[in-house]
Amino acid sequence: MSLSSLSSVRGRVAGLISSVAGPSRSFSASAVASASSAKENARRKKAKSLAKREALAQQWEAETSDPVLGSPLNGDPSALYEGSRLQRVVLKAEDVWYAAPPNYAAGEEPAHYLPGLSAADRELLFGAVPSATTALAFDPERPAASAAVAADQEQQTETLRRILDLRNSDKEGINVVNRQRIAEEFGRKTASGGLDTGSSEVQAALLTYKIRNLHEHLQTGFNSRDTQNRRNLRILVHKRASVLKYFKRRDEVAYDALLKDLGLTRRAVEGEVKVGM
């Protein structure tokens, strides 16, 4: 084959290869750099998301609270309750029984009276009745007899005060007084001037008081084996969580304030509440 024929064949082969391969493409360094930068940003975003998730998990774990007492597990179990609004209202039986007695003879009144004795009842027993009796028995012609009647009324008033002093009550009587005090403290005023003692605030406060009393009962002696009351404790805890959940839907700002008043944390009453046997 001649040299010219060989050159012609090579030209045709080159043309065929060029037509099959298509137009040549130039290499772009900027496209590779852009893809690398996108991958790096995605990695950083993922790492940041994982770090945030880990921090939230650690915070959630650190804030784990006792569903019964309401305080964080890693701290003093009574830290939130002590000094709370509920704690200030509740009377401790030991404080009532061992308090110094008033000077009844000097007319001092007990710090607290037995349950069921209203302010109007006290005014009637210790004010209106003795005064009326003394006034009716007064006889200017017999001052000595009138003085004796007045002294007798004072003695009867002193005796009544001694009898009606809450210091003479048992623990159940003190519990009744505490429930009355809680209802008065947490009850909202109605348009008629009374108290709405059926509100969520009152229910949550009363349930918290019952829960703490029952928990204290189960911590002493053989009471730790009281499975029936342990079941009752779980029922009360879940009932309180339900009441507070309803209250939160109505007013979340007031909800946080109420938790503080009761010495509770959100973790103690939100989510899945588990109370061990």
Protein backbone atom coordinates (compact mmCIF):
# COMPACT_ATOMS: atom_id res chain seq x y z
CA MET A 1 0.00 0.00 0.00
CA SER A 2 1.31 3.38 -0.92
CA LEU A 3 2.04 6.07 1.62
CA SER A 4 -0.80 8.25 0.39
CA SER A 5 -3.29 5.40 0.71
CA LEU A 6 -2.12 4.72 4.27
CA SER A 7 -2.57 8.37 5.22
CA SER A 8 -6.06 8.33 3.76
CA VAL A 9 -7.03 5.26 5.83
CA ARG A 10 -5.69 6.84 8.99
CA GLY A 11 -7.73 9.93 8.34
CA ARG A 12 -10.92 7.94 7.90
CA VAL A 13 -10.31 5.94 11.09
CA ALA A 14 -9.68 9.15 13.03
CA GLY A 15 -12.92 10.60 11.67
CA LEU A 16 -14.91 7.54 12.71
CA ILE A 17 -13.43 7.61 16.22
CA SER A 18 -14.21 11.28 16.55
CA SER A 19 -17.82 10.80 15.43
CA VAL A 20 -18.37 7.94 17.90
CA ALA A 21 -16.73 9.68 20.87
CA GLY A 22 -18.62 12.91 20.33
CA PRO A 23 -17.34 16.39 21.03
CA SER A 24 -14.53 16.67 23.55
CA ARG A 25 -15.38 17.85 27.10
CA SER A 26 -13.19 20.15 29.08
CA PHE A 27 -12.31 19.34 32.77
CA SER A 28 -13.73 21.83 35.39
CA ALA A 29 -11.91 22.10 38.75
CA SER A 30 -14.59 24.45 40.19
CA ALA A 31 -17.33 21.77 39.89
CA VAL A 32 -15.29 19.28 41.92
CA ALA A 33 -14.54 21.89 44.58
CA SER A 34 -18.24 22.80 44.83
CA ALA A 35 -19.24 19.16 45.33
CA SER A 36 -16.57 18.72 48.00
CA SER A 37 -17.75 21.85 49.82
CA ALA A 38 -21.37 20.64 49.83
CA LYS A 39 -20.31 17.31 51.35
CA GLU A 40 -18.29 19.07 54.04
CA ASN A 41 -21.23 21.33 54.93
CA ALA A 42 -23.51 18.28 55.15
CA ARG A 43 -21.03 16.54 57.49
CA ARG A 44 -20.80 19.62 59.72
CA LYS A 45 -24.57 19.97 59.84
CA LYS A 46 -24.97 16.33 60.78
CA ALA A 47 -22.29 16.57 63.49
CA LYS A 48 -23.96 19.69 64.92
CA SER A 49 -27.35 17.96 64.95
CA LEU A 50 -25.92 14.89 66.71
CA ALA A 51 -24.17 17.07 69.31
CA LYS A 52 -27.38 18.97 70.00
CA ARG A 53 -29.32 15.73 70.32
CA GLU A 54 -26.73 14.38 72.75
CA ALA A 55 -26.85 17.57 74.83
CA LEU A 56 -30.65 17.40 75.03
CA ALA A 57 -30.47 13.74 76.05
CA GLN A 58 -28.00 14.58 78.82
CA GLN A 59 -30.16 17.47 80.01
CA TRP A 60 -33.26 15.23 79.96
CA GLU A 61 -31.39 12.63 82.00
CA ALA A 62 -30.11 15.24 84.47
CA GLU A 63 -33.62 16.61 84.99
CA THR A 64 -35.17 13.20 85.70
CA SER A 65 -37.44 13.72 88.69
CA ASP A 66 -39.13 11.58 91.28
CA PRO A 67 -42.77 11.25 90.10
CA VAL A 68 -43.94 11.07 93.73
CA LEU A 69 -42.01 13.85 95.47
CA GLY A 70 -41.48 15.89 92.30
CA SER A 71 -37.82 16.81 92.90
CA PRO A 72 -34.82 15.93 90.68
CA LEU A 73 -33.37 12.52 91.54
CA ASN A 74 -29.81 13.86 91.68
CA GLY A 75 -30.56 16.36 94.45
CA ASP A 76 -32.31 16.85 97.78
CA PRO A 77 -35.76 15.19 97.46
CA SER A 78 -37.37 17.94 99.54
CA ALA A 79 -35.46 20.90 98.08
CA LEU A 80 -38.32 22.16 95.90
CA TYR A 81 -41.06 21.41 98.40
CA GLU A 82 -39.47 23.14 101.37
CA GLY A 83 -40.48 26.78 101.24
CA SER A 84 -43.12 26.21 98.58
CA ARG A 85 -46.57 27.71 98.93
CA LEU A 86 -48.09 24.32 99.76
CA GLN A 87 -45.49 23.54 102.41
CA ARG A 88 -46.12 26.88 104.14
CA VAL A 89 -49.86 26.14 104.35
CA VAL A 90 -49.65 22.58 105.67
CA LEU A 91 -49.44 22.04 109.43
CA LYS A 92 -47.15 19.27 110.68
CA ALA A 93 -48.71 17.10 113.36
CA GLU A 94 -45.55 17.18 115.51
CA ASP A 95 -45.39 20.98 115.36
CA VAL A 96 -49.02 21.22 116.50
CA TRP A 97 -48.77 18.68 119.32
CA TYR A 98 -45.50 19.92 120.80
CA ALA A 99 -46.05 23.66 120.42
CA ALA A 100 -46.04 25.72 123.62
CA PRO A 101 -49.62 26.05 124.94
CA PRO A 102 -51.17 29.53 125.06
CA ASN A 103 -51.91 31.29 128.31
CA TYR A 104 -55.61 30.45 128.43
CA ALA A 105 -56.11 32.24 131.76
CA ALA A 106 -54.90 35.49 130.23
CA GLY A 107 -57.36 35.13 127.36
CA GLU A 108 -54.86 33.90 124.77
CA GLU A 109 -56.39 31.85 121.98
CA PRO A 110 -54.98 28.59 120.53
CA ALA A 111 -52.97 28.94 117.35
CA HIS A 112 -55.41 26.54 115.63
CA TYR A 113 -58.81 25.16 116.51
CA LEU A 114 -60.38 21.77 115.87
CA PRO A 115 -61.87 21.23 112.38
CA GLY A 116 -65.38 22.48 111.79
CA LEU A 117 -65.10 25.54 114.01
CA SER A 118 -65.52 28.62 111.82
CA ALA A 119 -64.62 32.20 112.65
CA ALA A 120 -68.33 32.94 113.18
CA ASP A 121 -68.57 30.02 115.62
CA ARG A 122 -65.59 31.30 117.59
CA GLU A 123 -67.07 34.78 117.80
CA LEU A 124 -70.32 33.32 119.09
CA LEU A 125 -68.73 30.99 121.67
CA PHE A 126 -66.03 33.29 122.98
CA GLY A 127 -67.57 36.70 122.43
CA ALA A 128 -71.30 37.11 121.99
CA VAL A 129 -72.57 34.40 124.37
CA PRO A 130 -70.38 35.25 127.41
CA SER A 131 -70.99 38.97 126.95
CA ALA A 132 -74.75 38.53 126.63
CA THR A 133 -74.90 36.19 129.62
CA THR A 134 -72.91 38.58 131.79
CA ALA A 135 -75.03 41.55 130.70
CA LEU A 136 -78.31 39.76 131.40
CA ALA A 137 -77.14 38.59 134.83
CA PHE A 138 -75.91 42.02 135.89
CA ASP A 139 -77.73 43.32 138.93
CA PRO A 140 -76.65 46.73 140.26
CA GLU A 141 -78.17 45.86 143.63
CA ARG A 142 -76.06 42.69 143.88
CA PRO A 143 -72.63 43.52 142.41
CA ALA A 144 -70.96 40.52 144.04
CA ALA A 145 -73.34 38.10 142.32
CA SER A 146 -72.86 39.88 139.00
CA ALA A 147 -69.07 39.64 139.38
CA ALA A 148 -69.38 35.93 140.13
CA VAL A 149 -71.39 35.39 136.93
CA ALA A 150 -68.77 37.28 134.90
CA ALA A 151 -65.96 35.21 136.44
CA ASP A 152 -67.87 32.01 135.71
CA GLN A 153 -68.29 33.01 132.06
CA GLU A 154 -64.58 33.70 131.78
CA GLN A 155 -63.83 30.27 133.25
CA GLN A 156 -66.19 28.59 130.79
CA THR A 157 -64.59 30.44 127.90
CA GLU A 158 -61.13 29.30 129.03
CA THR A 159 -62.35 25.71 129.31
CA LEU A 160 -63.84 25.82 125.82
CA ARG A 161 -60.60 27.14 124.39
CA ARG A 162 -58.68 24.30 126.02
CA ILE A 163 -61.11 21.69 124.68
CA LEU A 164 -61.24 23.09 121.15
CA ASP A 165 -57.48 23.55 120.80
CA LEU A 166 -56.15 21.58 117.81
CA ARG A 167 -53.35 20.32 120.05
CA ASN A 168 -55.91 17.84 121.42
CA SER A 169 -56.62 16.38 117.99
CA ASP A 170 -55.24 13.22 116.42
CA LYS A 171 -53.46 13.11 113.07
CA GLU A 172 -56.68 12.67 111.10
CA GLY A 173 -58.13 15.81 112.67
CA ILE A 174 -55.01 17.74 111.64
CA ASN A 175 -55.39 16.32 108.12
CA VAL A 176 -58.94 17.69 107.97
CA VAL A 177 -57.71 21.14 109.02
CA ASN A 178 -54.92 20.96 106.43
CA ARG A 179 -57.39 20.14 103.66
CA GLN A 180 -59.47 23.14 104.67
CA ARG A 181 -56.39 25.38 104.70
CA ILE A 182 -55.29 24.14 101.26
CA ALA A 183 -58.75 24.76 99.76
CA GLU A 184 -58.77 28.29 101.19
CA GLU A 185 -55.23 29.01 99.99
CA PHE A 186 -55.52 27.68 96.42
CA GLY A 187 -59.23 28.29 95.81
CA ARG A 188 -60.10 31.11 93.45
CA LYS A 189 -62.54 33.79 94.51
CA THR A 190 -65.95 33.57 92.85
CA ALA A 191 -68.21 36.41 91.80
CA SER A 192 -70.36 35.84 94.89
CA GLY A 193 -67.34 36.26 97.18
CA GLY A 194 -66.94 32.56 97.94
CA LEU A 195 -64.19 30.13 96.95
CA ASP A 196 -64.04 27.79 93.97
CA THR A 197 -62.68 24.78 95.83
CA GLY A 198 -63.22 22.47 92.85
CA SER A 199 -60.67 24.18 90.60
CA SER A 200 -57.66 22.37 89.13
CA GLU A 201 -55.32 24.28 91.44
CA VAL A 202 -57.12 23.02 94.56
CA GLN A 203 -57.38 19.47 93.22
CA ALA A 204 -53.66 19.36 92.35
CA ALA A 205 -52.68 20.79 95.76
CA LEU A 206 -54.90 18.33 97.67
CA LEU A 207 -53.59 15.40 95.62
CA THR A 208 -49.99 16.48 96.26
CA TYR A 209 -50.73 16.67 100.00
CA LYS A 210 -52.26 13.17 99.97
CA ILE A 211 -49.36 11.80 97.91
CA ARG A 212 -46.75 13.13 100.31
CA ASN A 213 -48.64 11.79 103.33
CA LEU A 214 -49.02 8.35 101.78
CA HIS A 215 -45.36 8.30 100.70
CA GLU A 216 -44.31 9.16 104.25
CA HIS A 217 -46.54 6.37 105.58
CA LEU A 218 -44.92 3.83 103.23
CA GLN A 219 -41.40 4.79 104.33
CA THR A 220 -41.90 3.80 107.96
CA GLY A 221 -41.42 0.31 109.40
CA PHE A 222 -43.53 -2.52 108.12
CA ASN A 223 -45.65 -0.08 106.10
CA SER A 224 -43.15 -0.57 103.26
CA ARG A 225 -44.90 -3.91 102.60
CA ASP A 226 -48.30 -2.25 102.27
CA THR A 227 -48.95 -3.15 98.62
CA GLN A 228 -52.52 -1.83 98.68
CA ASN A 229 -51.40 1.66 99.62
CA ARG A 230 -48.59 1.49 97.07
CA ARG A 231 -51.24 0.87 94.45
CA ASN A 232 -53.25 3.80 95.86
CA LEU A 233 -50.10 5.94 95.63
CA ARG A 234 -49.70 5.14 91.93
CA ILE A 235 -53.35 5.99 91.30
CA LEU A 236 -52.98 9.36 93.04
CA VAL A 237 -49.79 10.21 91.12
CA HIS A 238 -51.43 9.48 87.76
CA LYS A 239 -54.56 11.38 88.78
CA ARG A 240 -52.47 14.44 89.69
CA ALA A 241 -50.65 14.23 86.34
CA SER A 242 -54.02 14.16 84.57
CA VAL A 243 -55.30 17.20 86.48
CA LEU A 244 -52.12 19.16 85.76
CA LYS A 245 -52.16 18.16 82.08
CA TYR A 246 -55.68 19.58 81.79
CA PHE A 247 -54.62 22.76 83.59
CA LYS A 248 -51.59 23.17 81.30
CA ARG A 249 -53.81 23.17 78.21
CA ARG A 250 -55.79 26.06 79.68
CA ASP A 251 -52.93 28.29 80.85
CA GLU A 252 -49.29 27.22 80.49
CA VAL A 253 -47.91 30.27 82.33
CA ALA A 254 -50.15 29.61 85.35
CA TYR A 255 -49.22 25.92 85.04
CA ASP A 256 -45.52 26.63 85.63
CA ALA A 257 -46.40 28.88 88.57
CA LEU A 258 -48.59 26.14 90.07
CA LEU A 259 -45.80 23.55 89.75
CA LYS A 260 -43.53 25.90 91.70
CA ASP A 261 -46.21 26.41 94.35
CA LEU A 262 -46.50 22.63 94.76
CA GLY A 263 -42.75 21.94 94.73
CA LEU A 264 -42.86 19.92 91.48
CA THR A 265 -40.92 19.84 88.22
CA ARG A 266 -42.33 19.33 84.74
CA ARG A 267 -40.49 16.04 84.41
CA ALA A 268 -42.28 14.71 87.48
CA VAL A 269 -45.74 15.09 85.94
CA GLU A 270 -45.20 15.05 82.17
CA GLY A 271 -44.54 12.23 79.75
CA GLU A 272 -44.74 8.64 80.92
CA VAL A 273 -45.08 8.65 84.71
CA LYS A 274 -43.72 5.46 86.28
CA VAL A 275 -44.06 4.71 89.98
CA GLY A 276 -42.18 1.66 91.17
CA MET A 277 -43.69 -0.91 93.47
